[in-house]
Amino acid sequence: MEYGKIKIRWLGHDSFIISNSKVIMIDPYRLKKRYKTDLLLITHEHFDHLSEDDIKKVIDSNTSIIAPKQCEAELKKIRCKEVIIVKPRDKINVQGVDIEAIAAYNTNKINPATNKPYHPKDDEKVGYVFTLDNVRIYHAGDTDAIEEMKGVKTDIALLPVSGTYVMTPEEAVEAVKMIKPKLIIPMHYGAIVGSKDDAVKFKRLVGEYNVNILDIEP
């Protein structure tokens, strides 16, 4: 889909490629082909977000990788232009793109094996707000509806809706009320947990907000 001059392609799960003056890839996973990428944003270290095989399909010596601390050891094995480590509230400019790291964590999704959240706040996993050609885009990462979203200013919000590890459709509606974006694209379904039905339910519940349910790029 296009939003102004920005092209947004959903590659499944939490993976997007967003492009115009720069090509930005987020959390590549189970990619079907190779892509040329200027900036690669990784939200956290779980296998479906930090996938070394997929990362190798999208980077070269000109690619900058931005990621939180838990990803650092794995990413240092990968040859690229640079690896920049961030934590929530960091603001950086990379290749002319302004990027803000936003907290991403669970408040009520507990792993029964550890009796702890799947995404603990103390881990400092992140989502991102970045500005590409005057359009602000928020990729929430794996998170519940959290207080920090009240400070997010964005045109487009990419929000998880599948439940289990992230927000349910109902919880994603609460996130929208805090963020108030112009456009929402649901994600995090169809690969690990959840289905398109979750996205459809979210669109129905969210009411007057503009929601675009994307097809996966072939």
Protein backbone atom coordinates (compact mmCIF):
# COMPACT_ATOMS: atom_id res chain seq x y z
CA MET A 1 0.00 0.00 0.00
CA GLU A 2 1.03 3.64 -0.34
CA TYR A 3 0.67 6.47 2.16
CA GLY A 4 1.66 9.70 0.50
CA LYS A 5 5.04 8.93 -1.02
CA ILE A 6 5.70 6.05 1.39
CA LYS A 7 5.33 2.45 0.25
CA ILE A 8 4.48 -0.12 2.95
CA ARG A 9 4.76 -3.84 2.33
CA TRP A 10 3.86 -6.50 4.90
CA LEU A 11 6.03 -9.61 4.67
CA GLY A 12 4.09 -11.58 7.30
CA HIS A 13 4.16 -11.74 11.12
CA ASP A 14 5.90 -8.53 12.34
CA SER A 15 7.96 -8.05 9.18
CA PHE A 16 7.61 -4.91 7.08
CA ILE A 17 9.59 -3.13 4.42
CA ILE A 18 8.88 0.58 4.24
CA SER A 19 10.46 2.67 1.54
CA ASN A 20 10.86 5.90 -0.35
CA SER A 21 14.08 7.91 0.04
CA LYS A 22 15.40 5.06 2.23
CA VAL A 23 14.49 1.39 2.49
CA ILE A 24 13.71 0.31 6.06
CA MET A 25 13.19 -3.32 7.04
CA ILE A 26 11.72 -4.38 10.38
CA ASP A 27 12.03 -7.85 11.99
CA PRO A 28 12.52 -9.99 8.85
CA TYR A 29 11.19 -13.52 9.33
CA ARG A 30 10.51 -16.33 6.84
CA LEU A 31 11.30 -14.12 3.89
CA LYS A 32 10.56 -15.53 0.46
CA LYS A 33 13.20 -13.51 -1.38
CA ARG A 34 16.07 -11.09 -0.90
CA TYR A 35 15.72 -7.35 -0.37
CA LYS A 36 18.16 -4.44 -0.44
CA THR A 37 17.88 -2.53 2.82
CA ASP A 38 19.40 0.72 4.09
CA LEU A 39 18.23 0.38 7.71
CA LEU A 40 17.28 -2.80 9.54
CA LEU A 41 15.31 -2.40 12.78
CA ILE A 42 15.17 -5.36 15.17
CA THR A 43 12.74 -5.12 18.10
CA HIS A 44 14.10 -7.93 20.30
CA GLU A 45 16.03 -11.19 20.39
CA HIS A 46 13.29 -13.83 19.97
CA PHE A 47 13.81 -16.14 16.98
CA ASP A 48 10.85 -14.75 15.03
CA HIS A 49 12.29 -11.22 15.21
CA LEU A 50 16.05 -11.81 15.28
CA SER A 51 16.38 -14.41 12.52
CA GLU A 52 19.97 -14.64 11.33
CA ASP A 53 19.06 -16.48 8.12
CA ASP A 54 16.55 -13.79 7.20
CA ILE A 55 18.82 -10.93 8.21
CA LYS A 56 21.44 -12.22 5.79
CA LYS A 57 18.88 -11.88 2.99
CA VAL A 58 18.45 -8.14 3.51
CA ILE A 59 21.82 -6.64 4.46
CA ASP A 60 25.05 -5.68 2.79
CA SER A 61 28.03 -3.47 3.64
CA ASN A 62 25.83 -0.35 3.43
CA THR A 63 23.13 -1.53 5.87
CA SER A 64 22.84 -0.05 9.37
CA ILE A 65 21.26 -2.32 12.00
CA ILE A 66 19.46 -0.87 15.03
CA ALA A 67 18.56 -3.21 17.89
CA PRO A 68 18.31 -3.50 21.71
CA LYS A 69 21.06 -4.88 23.94
CA GLN A 70 19.91 -8.53 23.99
CA CYS A 71 20.56 -8.72 20.23
CA GLU A 72 24.10 -7.39 20.32
CA ALA A 73 26.09 -10.62 20.59
CA GLU A 74 24.20 -12.29 17.75
CA LEU A 75 24.37 -9.26 15.47
CA LYS A 76 28.11 -8.80 15.92
CA LYS A 77 28.55 -12.00 13.90
CA ILE A 78 26.88 -10.38 10.91
CA ARG A 79 28.79 -8.22 8.43
CA CYS A 80 27.12 -4.87 7.80
CA LYS A 81 27.88 -1.15 7.92
CA GLU A 82 27.23 -0.78 11.66
CA VAL A 83 25.23 -2.12 14.59
CA ILE A 84 23.68 0.54 16.81
CA ILE A 85 22.35 -0.56 20.21
CA VAL A 86 19.37 1.30 21.67
CA LYS A 87 17.15 1.21 24.73
CA PRO A 88 13.69 2.71 25.36
CA ARG A 89 13.59 6.52 25.08
CA ASP A 90 16.75 6.71 22.94
CA LYS A 91 16.58 9.09 19.99
CA ILE A 92 19.06 8.71 17.15
CA ASN A 93 19.56 9.73 13.53
CA VAL A 94 20.86 7.07 11.19
CA GLN A 95 21.48 7.73 7.50
CA GLY A 96 19.32 10.84 7.79
CA VAL A 97 16.38 9.00 9.40
CA ASP A 98 15.19 10.07 12.87
CA ILE A 99 14.47 7.02 15.04
CA GLU A 100 13.02 6.80 18.56
CA ALA A 101 13.13 3.58 20.59
CA ILE A 102 9.85 2.96 22.44
CA ALA A 103 9.37 0.54 25.34
CA ALA A 104 7.72 -2.78 24.44
CA TYR A 105 6.68 -5.22 27.16
CA ASN A 106 3.90 -7.36 28.60
CA THR A 107 1.67 -6.42 31.49
CA ASN A 108 -0.50 -9.55 31.60
CA LYS A 109 0.98 -12.19 29.25
CA ILE A 110 2.72 -14.70 31.52
CA ASN A 111 4.92 -17.55 30.38
CA PRO A 112 3.76 -20.59 32.41
CA ALA A 113 7.23 -22.14 32.17
CA THR A 114 8.88 -19.22 33.98
CA ASN A 115 5.91 -17.50 35.65
CA LYS A 116 7.27 -14.25 34.18
CA PRO A 117 6.05 -12.11 31.28
CA TYR A 118 7.07 -13.26 27.80
CA HIS A 119 8.47 -9.77 27.26
CA PRO A 120 9.51 -8.33 30.66
CA LYS A 121 9.80 -4.58 31.03
CA ASP A 122 13.25 -4.90 32.59
CA ASP A 123 14.59 -6.52 29.40
CA GLU A 124 14.23 -3.17 27.59
CA LYS A 125 12.91 -4.65 24.37
CA VAL A 126 11.69 -1.97 21.98
CA GLY A 127 9.38 -0.77 19.30
CA TYR A 128 10.32 2.13 17.04
CA VAL A 129 8.97 5.43 15.80
CA PHE A 130 10.83 6.61 12.73
CA THR A 131 10.29 9.47 10.32
CA LEU A 132 10.61 8.81 6.61
CA ASP A 133 9.95 11.69 4.22
CA ASN A 134 7.94 13.57 6.85
CA VAL A 135 5.74 10.54 7.69
CA ARG A 136 6.01 9.14 11.22
CA ILE A 137 5.65 5.37 11.52
CA TYR A 138 5.35 3.41 14.78
CA HIS A 139 6.17 -0.31 14.86
CA ALA A 140 5.08 -1.41 18.33
CA GLY A 141 7.12 -4.62 18.54
CA ASP A 142 5.85 -7.35 20.86
CA THR A 143 3.92 -5.50 23.53
CA ASP A 144 0.72 -5.01 25.42
CA ALA A 145 -1.10 -1.68 25.65
CA ILE A 146 1.30 0.21 27.90
CA GLU A 147 1.50 3.64 29.51
CA GLU A 148 4.40 4.69 27.27
CA MET A 149 2.09 4.67 24.24
CA LYS A 150 0.51 7.90 25.51
CA GLY A 151 3.71 9.67 24.44
CA VAL A 152 3.81 8.18 20.94
CA LYS A 153 3.11 10.66 18.14
CA THR A 154 2.70 8.96 14.79
CA ASP A 155 0.86 9.01 11.49
CA ILE A 156 0.89 5.23 11.03
CA ALA A 157 0.79 2.56 13.75
CA LEU A 158 1.74 -1.08 13.11
CA LEU A 159 0.13 -2.94 16.01
CA PRO A 160 0.11 -6.61 17.09
CA VAL A 161 -3.37 -8.09 17.56
CA SER A 162 -3.02 -11.87 17.99
CA GLY A 163 -3.00 -12.16 21.78
CA THR A 164 -1.00 -14.87 23.65
CA TYR A 165 2.34 -12.98 23.53
CA VAL A 166 1.01 -9.55 22.54
CA MET A 167 -2.17 -7.49 22.59
CA THR A 168 -5.53 -9.06 21.85
CA PRO A 169 -7.79 -7.18 19.42
CA GLU A 170 -9.56 -5.61 22.39
CA GLU A 171 -6.28 -4.49 23.98
CA ALA A 172 -5.06 -3.10 20.65
CA VAL A 173 -8.16 -0.88 20.60
CA GLU A 174 -7.03 0.57 23.94
CA ALA A 175 -3.61 1.23 22.41
CA VAL A 176 -5.21 3.09 19.51
CA LYS A 177 -7.09 5.33 21.94
CA MET A 178 -3.75 6.36 23.47
CA ILE A 179 -1.86 6.79 20.18
CA LYS A 180 -4.61 8.21 17.94
CA PRO A 181 -2.84 7.49 14.63
CA LYS A 182 -4.19 8.41 11.21
CA LEU A 183 -3.77 4.84 9.95
CA ILE A 184 -3.41 1.47 11.69
CA ILE A 185 -2.04 -1.73 10.15
CA PRO A 186 -2.56 -4.86 12.29
CA MET A 187 0.27 -7.42 12.50
CA HIS A 188 1.62 -10.41 14.47
CA TYR A 189 -0.77 -13.07 13.19
CA GLY A 190 -0.71 -15.92 10.71
CA ALA A 191 2.77 -17.25 11.56
CA ILE A 192 3.23 -18.14 15.26
CA VAL A 193 -0.21 -17.44 16.72
CA GLY A 194 -3.40 -15.77 15.58
CA SER A 195 -5.06 -15.42 12.20
CA LYS A 196 -6.56 -12.83 9.91
CA ASP A 197 -9.73 -13.17 11.98
CA ASP A 198 -7.93 -11.27 14.76
CA ALA A 199 -7.19 -8.40 12.38
CA VAL A 200 -10.80 -8.36 11.15
CA LYS A 201 -12.09 -8.35 14.72
CA PHE A 202 -9.76 -5.50 15.63
CA LYS A 203 -10.93 -3.46 12.63
CA ARG A 204 -14.55 -3.99 13.66
CA LEU A 205 -13.91 -3.03 17.29
CA VAL A 206 -11.81 0.05 16.65
CA GLY A 207 -14.69 1.91 15.05
CA GLU A 208 -14.00 5.15 13.20
CA TYR A 209 -10.23 4.77 12.99
CA ASN A 210 -8.72 3.99 9.59
CA VAL A 211 -7.50 0.37 9.50
CA ASN A 212 -5.85 -1.30 6.52
CA ILE A 213 -5.47 -5.10 6.68
CA LEU A 214 -2.63 -5.88 4.30
CA ASP A 215 -2.04 -9.01 2.28
CA ILE A 216 1.37 -10.61 2.63
CA GLU A 217 3.66 -9.64 -0.23
CA PRO A 218 4.16 -12.74 -2.43
